[in-house]
């Protein structure tokens, strides 16, 4: 039987007292980078693992590159043109729903291509 993934609970911002993503707005909706946290687990289980990712705008990324002229390594980043919490949440949920595998280990490996796992990073 295939293992299918789903987000358990809400997407939160750990660096902002775990406020819900949908309740947060940066000072500048076109230049930002925030850290989000989500719990993901098998649809048939209550268990979940924590994953994190950054959600950044191209303007913020350009400023980062300008200050780090040797280059910037990125992993676990969702790049969006402006801050729209509902669109961001929808995009993350859509991605998680596409991930399945023979077991949780296979799902975790796929999830780790997009997100940073709580026990590694």
PDB file of N, CA and C in Angstrom:
ATOM      1  N   UNK A   1       0.843  -1.177   0.000  1.00  0.00           N
ATOM      2  CA  UNK A   1       0.000   0.000   0.000  1.00  0.00           C
ATOM      3  C   UNK A   1       0.892   1.246   0.000  1.00  0.00           C
ATOM      4  N   UNK A   2       0.576   2.183  -0.858  1.00  0.00           N
ATOM      5  CA  UNK A   2       1.356   3.413  -0.977  1.00  0.00           C
ATOM      6  C   UNK A   2       1.152   4.313   0.249  1.00  0.00           C
ATOM      7  N   UNK A   3       2.212   5.009   0.607  1.00  0.00           N
ATOM      8  CA  UNK A   3       2.151   6.012   1.664  1.00  0.00           C
ATOM      9  C   UNK A   3       1.951   7.363   1.000  1.00  0.00           C
ATOM     10  N   UNK A   4       0.935   8.098   1.421  1.00  0.00           N
ATOM     11  CA  UNK A   4       0.659   9.426   0.883  1.00  0.00           C
ATOM     12  C   UNK A   4       0.854  10.459   1.983  1.00  0.00           C
ATOM     13  N   UNK A   5       1.349  11.623   1.616  1.00  0.00           N
ATOM     14  CA  UNK A   5       1.688  12.664   2.593  1.00  0.00           C
ATOM     15  C   UNK A   5       0.610  13.726   2.696  1.00  0.00           C
ATOM     16  N   UNK A   6       0.543  14.315   3.892  1.00  0.00           N
ATOM     17  CA  UNK A   6      -0.326  15.460   4.106  1.00  0.00           C
ATOM     18  C   UNK A   6       0.266  16.336   5.204  1.00  0.00           C
ATOM     19  N   UNK A   7      -0.087  17.609   5.168  1.00  0.00           N
ATOM     20  CA  UNK A   7       0.324  18.520   6.220  1.00  0.00           C
ATOM     21  C   UNK A   7      -0.598  18.323   7.413  1.00  0.00           C
ATOM     22  N   UNK A   8      -0.003  18.171   8.580  1.00  0.00           N
ATOM     23  CA  UNK A   8      -0.760  18.022   9.831  1.00  0.00           C
ATOM     24  C   UNK A   8      -0.727  19.374  10.537  1.00  0.00           C
ATOM     25  N   UNK A   9      -1.846  19.975  10.784  1.00  0.00           N
ATOM     26  CA  UNK A   9      -1.881  21.259  11.466  1.00  0.00           C
ATOM     27  C   UNK A   9      -1.624  22.426  10.530  1.00  0.00           C
ATOM     28  N   UNK A  10      -1.058  23.480  11.086  1.00  0.00           N
ATOM     29  CA  UNK A  10      -0.890  24.737  10.360  1.00  0.00           C
ATOM     30  C   UNK A  10       0.567  24.994   9.995  1.00  0.00           C
ATOM     31  N   UNK A  11       0.774  25.808   8.983  1.00  0.00           N
ATOM     32  CA  UNK A  11       2.105  26.282   8.632  1.00  0.00           C
ATOM     33  C   UNK A  11       2.370  27.514   9.498  1.00  0.00           C
ATOM     34  N   UNK A  12       3.487  27.490  10.234  1.00  0.00           N
ATOM     35  CA  UNK A  12       3.786  28.557  11.193  1.00  0.00           C
ATOM     36  C   UNK A  12       5.155  29.180  10.913  1.00  0.00           C
ATOM     37  N   UNK A  13       5.402  30.313  11.552  1.00  0.00           N
ATOM     38  CA  UNK A  13       6.680  31.019  11.454  1.00  0.00           C
ATOM     39  C   UNK A  13       7.395  30.922  12.795  1.00  0.00           C
ATOM     40  N   UNK A  14       8.356  30.001  12.930  1.00  0.00           N
ATOM     41  CA  UNK A  14       9.019  29.799  14.220  1.00  0.00           C
ATOM     42  C   UNK A  14       9.787  31.027  14.714  1.00  0.00           C
ATOM     43  N   UNK A  15      10.295  31.849  13.823  1.00  0.00           N
ATOM     44  CA  UNK A  15      11.058  33.032  14.228  1.00  0.00           C
ATOM     45  C   UNK A  15      10.161  34.204  14.634  1.00  0.00           C
ATOM     46  N   UNK A  16       8.854  34.022  14.513  1.00  0.00           N
ATOM     47  CA  UNK A  16       7.889  35.062  14.876  1.00  0.00           C
ATOM     48  C   UNK A  16       6.853  34.490  15.850  1.00  0.00           C
ATOM     49  N   UNK A  17       7.352  33.833  16.900  1.00  0.00           N
ATOM     50  CA  UNK A  17       6.490  33.256  17.944  1.00  0.00           C
ATOM     51  C   UNK A  17       5.448  32.281  17.405  1.00  0.00           C
ATOM     52  N   UNK A  18       5.800  31.588  16.351  1.00  0.00           N
ATOM     53  CA  UNK A  18       4.949  30.551  15.753  1.00  0.00           C
ATOM     54  C   UNK A  18       3.589  31.065  15.306  1.00  0.00           C
ATOM     55  N   UNK A  19       3.562  32.325  14.869  1.00  0.00           N
ATOM     56  CA  UNK A  19       2.340  32.879  14.303  1.00  0.00           C
ATOM     57  C   UNK A  19       1.995  32.080  13.042  1.00  0.00           C
ATOM     58  N   UNK A  20       0.724  31.964  12.752  1.00  0.00           N
ATOM     59  CA  UNK A  20       0.297  31.265  11.545  1.00  0.00           C
ATOM     60  C   UNK A  20       0.743  32.037  10.313  1.00  0.00           C
ATOM     61  N   UNK A  21       1.150  31.321   9.279  1.00  0.00           N
ATOM     62  CA  UNK A  21       1.565  31.955   8.031  1.00  0.00           C
ATOM     63  C   UNK A  21       0.490  32.914   7.538  1.00  0.00           C
ATOM     64  N   UNK A  22      -0.755  32.479   7.570  1.00  0.00           N
ATOM     65  CA  UNK A  22      -1.832  33.306   7.015  1.00  0.00           C
ATOM     66  C   UNK A  22      -2.096  34.586   7.816  1.00  0.00           C
ATOM     67  N   UNK A  23      -1.545  34.661   9.039  1.00  0.00           N
ATOM     68  CA  UNK A  23      -1.742  35.846   9.879  1.00  0.00           C
ATOM     69  C   UNK A  23      -0.539  36.788   9.884  1.00  0.00           C
ATOM     70  N   UNK A  24       0.482  36.472   9.095  1.00  0.00           N
ATOM     71  CA  UNK A  24       1.702  37.269   9.092  1.00  0.00           C
ATOM     72  C   UNK A  24       1.816  38.071   7.802  1.00  0.00           C
ATOM     73  N   UNK A  25       2.321  39.304   7.932  1.00  0.00           N
ATOM     74  CA  UNK A  25       2.607  40.119   6.754  1.00  0.00           C
ATOM     75  C   UNK A  25       3.929  40.830   6.978  1.00  0.00           C
ATOM     76  N   UNK A  26       4.879  40.670   6.061  1.00  0.00           N
ATOM     77  CA  UNK A  26       6.161  41.359   6.211  1.00  0.00           C
ATOM     78  C   UNK A  26       5.996  42.859   5.967  1.00  0.00           C
ATOM     79  N   UNK A  27       6.996  43.619   6.381  1.00  0.00           N
ATOM     80  CA  UNK A  27       6.963  45.073   6.165  1.00  0.00           C
ATOM     81  C   UNK A  27       6.895  45.401   4.677  1.00  0.00           C
ATOM     82  N   UNK A  28       7.610  44.633   3.881  1.00  0.00           N
ATOM     83  CA  UNK A  28       7.646  44.845   2.431  1.00  0.00           C
ATOM     84  C   UNK A  28       7.231  43.545   1.744  1.00  0.00           C
ATOM     85  N   UNK A  29       6.099  43.550   1.075  1.00  0.00           N
ATOM     86  CA  UNK A  29       5.557  42.331   0.450  1.00  0.00           C
ATOM     87  C   UNK A  29       6.340  41.898  -0.787  1.00  0.00           C
ATOM     88  N   UNK A  30       7.272  42.737  -1.257  1.00  0.00           N
ATOM     89  CA  UNK A  30       8.058  42.379  -2.445  1.00  0.00           C
ATOM     90  C   UNK A  30       9.524  42.119  -2.125  1.00  0.00           C
ATOM     91  N   UNK A  31       9.935  42.339  -0.866  1.00  0.00           N
ATOM     92  CA  UNK A  31      11.323  42.099  -0.463  1.00  0.00           C
ATOM     93  C   UNK A  31      11.310  41.473   0.932  1.00  0.00           C
ATOM     94  N   UNK A  32      11.387  40.158   0.983  1.00  0.00           N
ATOM     95  CA  UNK A  32      11.271  39.457   2.261  1.00  0.00           C
ATOM     96  C   UNK A  32      11.884  38.069   2.164  1.00  0.00           C
ATOM     97  N   UNK A  33      12.194  37.515   3.310  1.00  0.00           N
ATOM     98  CA  UNK A  33      12.565  36.112   3.432  1.00  0.00           C
ATOM     99  C   UNK A  33      12.137  35.668   4.826  1.00  0.00           C
ATOM    100  N   UNK A  34      11.257  34.676   4.878  1.00  0.00           N
ATOM    101  CA  UNK A  34      10.762  34.176   6.156  1.00  0.00           C
ATOM    102  C   UNK A  34      11.008  32.682   6.233  1.00  0.00           C
ATOM    103  N   UNK A  35      11.115  32.186   7.438  1.00  0.00           N
ATOM    104  CA  UNK A  35      11.267  30.760   7.706  1.00  0.00           C
ATOM    105  C   UNK A  35       9.903  30.228   8.103  1.00  0.00           C
ATOM    106  N   UNK A  36       9.450  29.146   7.453  1.00  0.00           N
ATOM    107  CA  UNK A  36       8.180  28.524   7.835  1.00  0.00           C
ATOM    108  C   UNK A  36       8.433  27.088   8.278  1.00  0.00           C
ATOM    109  N   UNK A  37       7.535  26.597   9.101  1.00  0.00           N
ATOM    110  CA  UNK A  37       7.643  25.239   9.633  1.00  0.00           C
ATOM    111  C   UNK A  37       6.320  24.527   9.414  1.00  0.00           C
ATOM    112  N   UNK A  38       6.399  23.272   9.012  1.00  0.00           N
ATOM    113  CA  UNK A  38       5.199  22.483   8.800  1.00  0.00           C
ATOM    114  C   UNK A  38       5.424  21.066   9.284  1.00  0.00           C
ATOM    115  N   UNK A  39       4.356  20.436   9.743  1.00  0.00           N
ATOM    116  CA  UNK A  39       4.385  19.033  10.146  1.00  0.00           C
ATOM    117  C   UNK A  39       3.792  18.226   9.004  1.00  0.00           C
ATOM    118  N   UNK A  40       4.518  17.195   8.583  1.00  0.00           N
ATOM    119  CA  UNK A  40       4.056  16.367   7.474  1.00  0.00           C
ATOM    120  C   UNK A  40       4.086  14.908   7.916  1.00  0.00           C
ATOM    121  N   UNK A  41       3.024  14.197   7.576  1.00  0.00           N
ATOM    122  CA  UNK A  41       2.960  12.784   7.920  1.00  0.00           C
ATOM    123  C   UNK A  41       2.137  12.004   6.923  1.00  0.00           C
ATOM    124  N   UNK A  42       2.066  10.714   7.176  1.00  0.00           N
ATOM    125  CA  UNK A  42       1.280   9.782   6.372  1.00  0.00           C
ATOM    126  C   UNK A  42      -0.203  10.076   6.605  1.00  0.00           C
ATOM    127  N   UNK A  43      -0.990  10.047   5.539  1.00  0.00           N
ATOM    128  CA  UNK A  43      -2.426  10.316   5.658  1.00  0.00           C
ATOM    129  C   UNK A  43      -3.134   9.322   6.571  1.00  0.00           C
ATOM    130  N   UNK A  44      -2.531   8.142   6.780  1.00  0.00           N
ATOM    131  CA  UNK A  44      -3.165   7.104   7.609  1.00  0.00           C
ATOM    132  C   UNK A  44      -2.666   7.110   9.051  1.00  0.00           C
ATOM    133  N   UNK A  45      -1.932   8.134   9.447  1.00  0.00           N
ATOM    134  CA  UNK A  45      -1.332   8.159  10.773  1.00  0.00           C
ATOM    135  C   UNK A  45      -1.428   9.555  11.386  1.00  0.00           C
ATOM    136  N   UNK A  46      -1.382   9.615  12.706  1.00  0.00           N
ATOM    137  CA  UNK A  46      -1.354  10.896  13.408  1.00  0.00           C
ATOM    138  C   UNK A  46       0.080  11.426  13.528  1.00  0.00           C
ATOM    139  N   UNK A  47       1.069  10.564  13.324  1.00  0.00           N
ATOM    140  CA  UNK A  47       2.467  10.942  13.463  1.00  0.00           C
ATOM    141  C   UNK A  47       2.888  11.889  12.352  1.00  0.00           C
ATOM    142  N   UNK A  48       3.869  12.728  12.681  1.00  0.00           N
ATOM    143  CA  UNK A  48       4.370  13.676  11.687  1.00  0.00           C
ATOM    144  C   UNK A  48       5.810  14.059  12.023  1.00  0.00           C
ATOM    145  N   UNK A  49       6.535  14.462  11.016  1.00  0.00           N
ATOM    146  CA  UNK A  49       7.876  15.018  11.171  1.00  0.00           C
ATOM    147  C   UNK A  49       7.813  16.502  10.862  1.00  0.00           C
ATOM    148  N   UNK A  50       8.689  17.268  11.504  1.00  0.00           N
ATOM    149  CA  UNK A  50       8.758  18.702  11.251  1.00  0.00           C
ATOM    150  C   UNK A  50       9.733  18.988  10.119  1.00  0.00           C
ATOM    151  N   UNK A  51       9.322  19.885   9.247  1.00  0.00           N
ATOM    152  CA  UNK A  51      10.163  20.342   8.144  1.00  0.00           C
ATOM    153  C   UNK A  51      10.112  21.866   8.125  1.00  0.00           C
ATOM    154  N   UNK A  52      11.212  22.459   7.660  1.00  0.00           N
ATOM    155  CA  UNK A  52      11.275  23.911   7.509  1.00  0.00           C
ATOM    156  C   UNK A  52      11.711  24.270   6.105  1.00  0.00           C
ATOM    157  N   UNK A  53      11.320  25.466   5.713  1.00  0.00           N
ATOM    158  CA  UNK A  53      11.782  26.016   4.446  1.00  0.00           C
ATOM    159  C   UNK A  53      11.738  27.529   4.545  1.00  0.00           C
ATOM    160  N   UNK A  54      12.476  28.180   3.669  1.00  0.00           N
ATOM    161  CA  UNK A  54      12.440  29.629   3.566  1.00  0.00           C
ATOM    162  C   UNK A  54      11.532  30.000   2.409  1.00  0.00           C
ATOM    163  N   UNK A  55      10.801  31.078   2.576  1.00  0.00           N
ATOM    164  CA  UNK A  55       9.982  31.635   1.507  1.00  0.00           C
ATOM    165  C   UNK A  55      10.530  33.035   1.263  1.00  0.00           C
ATOM    166  N   UNK A  56      11.035  33.246   0.047  1.00  0.00           N
ATOM    167  CA  UNK A  56      11.741  34.485  -0.258  1.00  0.00           C
ATOM    168  C   UNK A  56      11.241  35.093  -1.563  1.00  0.00           C
ATOM    169  N   UNK A  57      11.485  36.389  -1.672  1.00  0.00           N
ATOM    170  CA  UNK A  57      11.160  37.105  -2.911  1.00  0.00           C
ATOM    171  C   UNK A  57      12.425  37.265  -3.750  1.00  0.00           C
ATOM    172  N   UNK A  58      12.277  37.421  -5.058  1.00  0.00           N
ATOM    173  CA  UNK A  58      13.442  37.659  -5.917  1.00  0.00           C
ATOM    174  C   UNK A  58      14.217  38.923  -5.528  1.00  0.00           C
ATOM    175  N   UNK A  59      13.514  39.946  -5.075  1.00  0.00           N
ATOM    176  CA  UNK A  59      14.183  41.183  -4.671  1.00  0.00           C
ATOM    177  C   UNK A  59      15.101  40.927  -3.484  1.00  0.00           C
ATOM    178  N   UNK A  60      14.632  40.190  -2.496  1.00  0.00           N
ATOM    179  CA  UNK A  60      15.453  39.853  -1.343  1.00  0.00           C
ATOM    180  C   UNK A  60      16.650  39.012  -1.782  1.00  0.00           C
ATOM    181  N   UNK A  61      16.391  38.045  -2.660  1.00  0.00           N
ATOM    182  CA  UNK A  61      17.468  37.178  -3.146  1.00  0.00           C
ATOM    183  C   UNK A  61      18.515  37.991  -3.904  1.00  0.00           C
ATOM    184  N   UNK A  62      18.098  38.947  -4.704  1.00  0.00           N
ATOM    185  CA  UNK A  62      19.036  39.801  -5.433  1.00  0.00           C
ATOM    186  C   UNK A  62      19.920  40.572  -4.465  1.00  0.00           C
ATOM    187  N   UNK A  63      19.329  41.095  -3.402  1.00  0.00           N
ATOM    188  CA  UNK A  63      20.114  41.820  -2.396  1.00  0.00           C
ATOM    189  C   UNK A  63      21.113  40.894  -1.708  1.00  0.00           C
ATOM    190  N   UNK A  64      20.712  39.658  -1.455  1.00  0.00           N
ATOM    191  CA  UNK A  64      21.610  38.680  -0.849  1.00  0.00           C
ATOM    192  C   UNK A  64      22.801  38.401  -1.763  1.00  0.00           C
ATOM    193  N   UNK A  65      22.524  38.228  -3.050  1.00  0.00           N
ATOM    194  CA  UNK A  65      23.588  37.956  -4.021  1.00  0.00           C
ATOM    195  C   UNK A  65      24.531  39.157  -4.131  1.00  0.00           C
ATOM    196  N   UNK A  66      24.003  40.354  -4.082  1.00  0.00           N
ATOM    197  CA  UNK A  66      24.835  41.554  -4.170  1.00  0.00           C
ATOM    198  C   UNK A  66      25.806  41.666  -3.002  1.00  0.00           C
ATOM    199  N   UNK A  67      25.412  41.176  -1.832  1.00  0.00           N
ATOM    200  CA  UNK A  67      26.295  41.248  -0.666  1.00  0.00           C
ATOM    201  C   UNK A  67      27.196  40.026  -0.522  1.00  0.00           C
ATOM    202  N   UNK A  68      26.912  38.972  -1.267  1.00  0.00           N
ATOM    203  CA  UNK A  68      27.725  37.747  -1.251  1.00  0.00           C
ATOM    204  C   UNK A  68      28.213  37.477  -2.664  1.00  0.00           C
ATOM    205  N   UNK A  69      29.177  38.229  -3.102  1.00  0.00           N
ATOM    206  CA  UNK A  69      29.580  38.211  -4.507  1.00  0.00           C
ATOM    207  C   UNK A  69      30.195  36.893  -4.962  1.00  0.00           C
ATOM    208  N   UNK A  70      30.567  36.022  -4.042  1.00  0.00           N
ATOM    209  CA  UNK A  70      31.122  34.722  -4.441  1.00  0.00           C
ATOM    210  C   UNK A  70      30.016  33.709  -4.746  1.00  0.00           C
ATOM    211  N   UNK A  71      28.785  34.080  -4.504  1.00  0.00           N
ATOM    212  CA  UNK A  71      27.661  33.182  -4.783  1.00  0.00           C
ATOM    213  C   UNK A  71      26.935  32.771  -3.516  1.00  0.00           C
ATOM    214  N   UNK A  72      25.737  32.237  -3.702  1.00  0.00           N
ATOM    215  CA  UNK A  72      24.874  31.837  -2.599  1.00  0.00           C
ATOM    216  C   UNK A  72      24.339  30.444  -2.883  1.00  0.00           C
ATOM    217  N   UNK A  73      24.463  29.543  -1.919  1.00  0.00           N
ATOM    218  CA  UNK A  73      23.870  28.213  -2.033  1.00  0.00           C
ATOM    219  C   UNK A  73      22.473  28.253  -1.436  1.00  0.00           C
ATOM    220  N   UNK A  74      21.515  27.636  -2.116  1.00  0.00           N
ATOM    221  CA  UNK A  74      20.137  27.620  -1.633  1.00  0.00           C
ATOM    222  C   UNK A  74      19.618  26.187  -1.571  1.00  0.00           C
ATOM    223  N   UNK A  75      18.941  25.874  -0.512  1.00  0.00           N
ATOM    224  CA  UNK A  75      18.243  24.601  -0.366  1.00  0.00           C
ATOM    225  C   UNK A  75      17.037  24.879   0.518  1.00  0.00           C
ATOM    226  N   UNK A  76      15.953  24.269   0.213  1.00  0.00           N
ATOM    227  CA  UNK A  76      14.768  24.475   1.037  1.00  0.00           C
ATOM    228  C   UNK A  76      14.190  25.866   0.911  1.00  0.00           C
ATOM    229  N   UNK A  77      14.121  26.367  -0.327  1.00  0.00           N
ATOM    230  CA  UNK A  77      13.621  27.721  -0.562  1.00  0.00           C
ATOM    231  C   UNK A  77      12.475  27.689  -1.562  1.00  0.00           C
ATOM    232  N   UNK A  78      11.411  28.398  -1.233  1.00  0.00           N
ATOM    233  CA  UNK A  78      10.325  28.646  -2.172  1.00  0.00           C
ATOM    234  C   UNK A  78      10.448  30.104  -2.582  1.00  0.00           C
ATOM    235  N   UNK A  79      10.593  30.353  -3.863  1.00  0.00           N
ATOM    236  CA  UNK A  79      10.747  31.702  -4.397  1.00  0.00           C
ATOM    237  C   UNK A  79       9.401  32.158  -4.951  1.00  0.00           C
ATOM    238  N   UNK A  80       8.912  33.286  -4.429  1.00  0.00           N
ATOM    239  CA  UNK A  80       7.627  33.838  -4.873  1.00  0.00           C
ATOM    240  C   UNK A  80       7.796  35.321  -5.173  1.00  0.00           C
ATOM    241  N   UNK A  81       7.016  35.848  -6.109  1.00  0.00           N
ATOM    242  CA  UNK A  81       7.214  37.238  -6.534  1.00  0.00           C
ATOM    243  C   UNK A  81       6.733  38.267  -5.512  1.00  0.00           C
ATOM    244  N   UNK A  82       5.728  37.929  -4.703  1.00  0.00           N
ATOM    245  CA  UNK A  82       5.289  38.831  -3.633  1.00  0.00           C
ATOM    246  C   UNK A  82       4.638  38.000  -2.535  1.00  0.00           C
ATOM    247  N   UNK A  83       4.460  38.608  -1.390  1.00  0.00           N
ATOM    248  CA  UNK A  83       3.951  37.883  -0.231  1.00  0.00           C
ATOM    249  C   UNK A  83       2.434  37.802  -0.270  1.00  0.00           C
ATOM    250  N   UNK A  84       1.949  36.593  -0.490  1.00  0.00           N
ATOM    251  CA  UNK A  84       0.522  36.298  -0.444  1.00  0.00           C
ATOM    252  C   UNK A  84       0.398  35.004   0.354  1.00  0.00           C
ATOM    253  N   UNK A  85       0.074  35.088   1.639  1.00  0.00           N
ATOM    254  CA  UNK A  85       0.099  33.899   2.487  1.00  0.00           C
ATOM    255  C   UNK A  85      -0.806  32.762   2.014  1.00  0.00           C
ATOM    256  N   UNK A  86      -1.946  33.072   1.457  1.00  0.00           N
ATOM    257  CA  UNK A  86      -2.841  32.006   0.992  1.00  0.00           C
ATOM    258  C   UNK A  86      -2.270  31.283  -0.227  1.00  0.00           C
ATOM    259  N   UNK A  87      -1.653  32.029  -1.134  1.00  0.00           N
ATOM    260  CA  UNK A  87      -1.021  31.395  -2.295  1.00  0.00           C
ATOM    261  C   UNK A  87       0.178  30.555  -1.876  1.00  0.00           C
ATOM    262  N   UNK A  88       0.969  31.062  -0.939  1.00  0.00           N
ATOM    263  CA  UNK A  88       2.131  30.318  -0.453  1.00  0.00           C
ATOM    264  C   UNK A  88       1.676  29.030   0.217  1.00  0.00           C
ATOM    265  N   UNK A  89       0.704  29.142   1.099  1.00  0.00           N
ATOM    266  CA  UNK A  89       0.176  27.960   1.793  1.00  0.00           C
ATOM    267  C   UNK A  89      -0.385  26.953   0.789  1.00  0.00           C
ATOM    268  N   UNK A  90      -1.119  27.435  -0.194  1.00  0.00           N
ATOM    269  CA  UNK A  90      -1.678  26.553  -1.216  1.00  0.00           C
ATOM    270  C   UNK A  90      -0.600  25.847  -2.013  1.00  0.00           C
ATOM    271  N   UNK A  91       0.452  26.570  -2.367  1.00  0.00           N
ATOM    272  CA  UNK A  91       1.547  25.970  -3.143  1.00  0.00           C
ATOM    273  C   UNK A  91       2.249  24.881  -2.347  1.00  0.00           C
ATOM    274  N   UNK A  92       2.499  25.143  -1.065  1.00  0.00           N
ATOM    275  CA  UNK A  92       3.164  24.149  -0.211  1.00  0.00           C
ATOM    276  C   UNK A  92       2.264  22.924  -0.042  1.00  0.00           C
ATOM    277  N   UNK A  93       0.984  23.131   0.226  1.00  0.00           N
ATOM    278  CA  UNK A  93       0.054  22.007   0.389  1.00  0.00           C
ATOM    279  C   UNK A  93      -0.063  21.199  -0.897  1.00  0.00           C
ATOM    280  N   UNK A  94      -0.118  21.875  -2.035  1.00  0.00           N
ATOM    281  CA  UNK A  94      -0.191  21.172  -3.321  1.00  0.00           C
ATOM    282  C   UNK A  94       1.039  20.292  -3.523  1.00  0.00           C
ATOM    283  N   UNK A  95       2.214  20.822  -3.196  1.00  0.00           N
ATOM    284  CA  UNK A  95       3.440  20.039  -3.346  1.00  0.00           C
ATOM    285  C   UNK A  95       3.408  18.805  -2.451  1.00  0.00           C
ATOM    286  N   UNK A  96       3.069  18.993  -1.177  1.00  0.00           N
ATOM    287  CA  UNK A  96       3.066  17.873  -0.238  1.00  0.00           C
ATOM    288  C   UNK A  96       2.098  16.785  -0.701  1.00  0.00           C
ATOM    289  N   UNK A  97       0.950  17.170  -1.233  1.00  0.00           N
ATOM    290  CA  UNK A  97      -0.038  16.176  -1.703  1.00  0.00           C
ATOM    291  C   UNK A  97       0.470  15.350  -2.875  1.00  0.00           C
ATOM    292  N   UNK A  98       1.448  15.850  -3.613  1.00  0.00           N
ATOM    293  CA  UNK A  98       1.968  15.091  -4.761  1.00  0.00           C
ATOM    294  C   UNK A  98       2.973  14.033  -4.341  1.00  0.00           C
ATOM    295  N   UNK A  99       3.397  14.047  -3.082  1.00  0.00           N
ATOM    296  CA  UNK A  99       4.460  13.148  -2.638  1.00  0.00           C
ATOM    297  C   UNK A  99       3.878  11.878  -2.044  1.00  0.00           C
ATOM    298  N   UNK A 100       4.340  10.761  -2.578  1.00  0.00           N
ATOM    299  CA  UNK A 100       3.950   9.448  -2.061  1.00  0.00           C
ATOM    300  C   UNK A 100       5.122   8.498  -2.263  1.00  0.00           C
ATOM    301  N   UNK A 101       5.046   7.352  -1.623  1.00  0.00           N
ATOM    302  CA  UNK A 101       6.111   6.366  -1.761  1.00  0.00           C
ATOM    303  C   UNK A 101       5.680   5.020  -1.219  1.00  0.00           C
ATOM    304  N   UNK A 102       6.559   4.050  -1.340  1.00  0.00           N
ATOM    305  CA  UNK A 102       6.270   2.700  -0.832  1.00  0.00           C
ATOM    306  C   UNK A 102       6.181   2.680   0.691  1.00  0.00           C
ATOM    307  N   UNK A 103       6.908   3.600   1.351  1.00  0.00           N
ATOM    308  CA  UNK A 103       6.896   3.694   2.810  1.00  0.00           C
ATOM    309  C   UNK A 103       7.267   5.123   3.215  1.00  0.00           C
ATOM    310  N   UNK A 104       7.276   5.382   4.538  1.00  0.00           N
ATOM    311  CA  UNK A 104       7.574   6.730   4.998  1.00  0.00           C
ATOM    312  C   UNK A 104       8.990   7.148   4.632  1.00  0.00           C
ATOM    313  N   UNK A 105       9.945   6.227   4.648  1.00  0.00           N
ATOM    314  CA  UNK A 105      11.330   6.556   4.305  1.00  0.00           C
ATOM    315  C   UNK A 105      11.424   7.119   2.887  1.00  0.00           C
ATOM    316  N   UNK A 106      10.720   6.520   1.966  1.00  0.00           N
ATOM    317  CA  UNK A 106      10.724   7.015   0.589  1.00  0.00           C
ATOM    318  C   UNK A 106      10.073   8.395   0.510  1.00  0.00           C
ATOM    319  N   UNK A 107       8.987   8.589   1.244  1.00  0.00           N
ATOM    320  CA  UNK A 107       8.334   9.903   1.280  1.00  0.00           C
ATOM    321  C   UNK A 107       9.270  10.945   1.878  1.00  0.00           C
ATOM    322  N   UNK A 108       9.919  10.585   2.976  1.00  0.00           N
ATOM    323  CA  UNK A 108      10.848  11.512   3.628  1.00  0.00           C
ATOM    324  C   UNK A 108      11.975  11.922   2.680  1.00  0.00           C
ATOM    325  N   UNK A 109      12.492  10.987   1.940  1.00  0.00           N
ATOM    326  CA  UNK A 109      13.561  11.298   0.986  1.00  0.00           C
ATOM    327  C   UNK A 109      13.079  12.325  -0.043  1.00  0.00           C
ATOM    328  N   UNK A 110      11.868  12.154  -0.522  1.00  0.00           N
ATOM    329  CA  UNK A 110      11.303  13.102  -1.486  1.00  0.00           C
ATOM    330  C   UNK A 110      11.045  14.456  -0.836  1.00  0.00           C
ATOM    331  N   UNK A 111      10.481  14.450   0.371  1.00  0.00           N
ATOM    332  CA  UNK A 111      10.211  15.701   1.085  1.00  0.00           C
ATOM    333  C   UNK A 111      11.507  16.477   1.326  1.00  0.00           C
ATOM    334  N   UNK A 112      12.578  15.755   1.619  1.00  0.00           N
ATOM    335  CA  UNK A 112      13.867  16.392   1.910  1.00  0.00           C
ATOM    336  C   UNK A 112      14.481  17.066   0.688  1.00  0.00           C
ATOM    337  N   UNK A 113      13.943  16.806  -0.473  1.00  0.00           N
ATOM    338  CA  UNK A 113      14.390  17.530  -1.670  1.00  0.00           C
ATOM    339  C   UNK A 113      13.882  18.963  -1.664  1.00  0.00           C
ATOM    340  N   UNK A 114      12.815  19.207  -0.924  1.00  0.00           N
ATOM    341  CA  UNK A 114      12.187  20.525  -0.893  1.00  0.00           C
ATOM    342  C   UNK A 114      12.318  21.230   0.455  1.00  0.00           C
ATOM    343  N   UNK A 115      12.326  20.450   1.516  1.00  0.00           N
ATOM    344  CA  UNK A 115      12.298  21.003   2.869  1.00  0.00           C
ATOM    345  C   UNK A 115      13.514  20.539   3.661  1.00  0.00           C
ATOM    346  N   UNK A 116      13.798  21.260   4.762  1.00  0.00           N
ATOM    347  CA  UNK A 116      14.861  20.869   5.692  1.00  0.00           C
ATOM    348  C   UNK A 116      14.207  20.127   6.857  1.00  0.00           C
ATOM    349  N   UNK A 117      14.689  18.926   7.136  1.00  0.00           N
ATOM    350  CA  UNK A 117      14.113  18.047   8.160  1.00  0.00           C
ATOM    351  C   UNK A 117      14.594  18.459   9.542  1.00  0.00           C
ATOM    352  N   UNK A 118      13.720  18.327  10.547  1.00  0.00           N
ATOM    353  CA  UNK A 118      14.027  18.756  11.905  1.00  0.00           C
ATOM    354  C   UNK A 118      15.258  18.085  12.509  1.00  0.00           C
ATOM    355  N   UNK A 119      15.589  16.869  12.123  1.00  0.00           N
ATOM    356  CA  UNK A 119      16.695  16.142  12.738  1.00  0.00           C
ATOM    357  C   UNK A 119      18.016  16.301  12.012  1.00  0.00           C
ATOM    358  N   UNK A 120      18.013  16.995  10.883  1.00  0.00           N
ATOM    359  CA  UNK A 120      19.242  17.124  10.106  1.00  0.00           C
ATOM    360  C   UNK A 120      19.727  18.559  10.069  1.00  0.00           C
ATOM    361  N   UNK A 121      18.869  19.493   9.791  1.00  0.00           N
ATOM    362  CA  UNK A 121      19.286  20.874   9.578  1.00  0.00           C
ATOM    363  C   UNK A 121      18.951  21.767  10.747  1.00  0.00           C
TER     364      UNK A 121
END
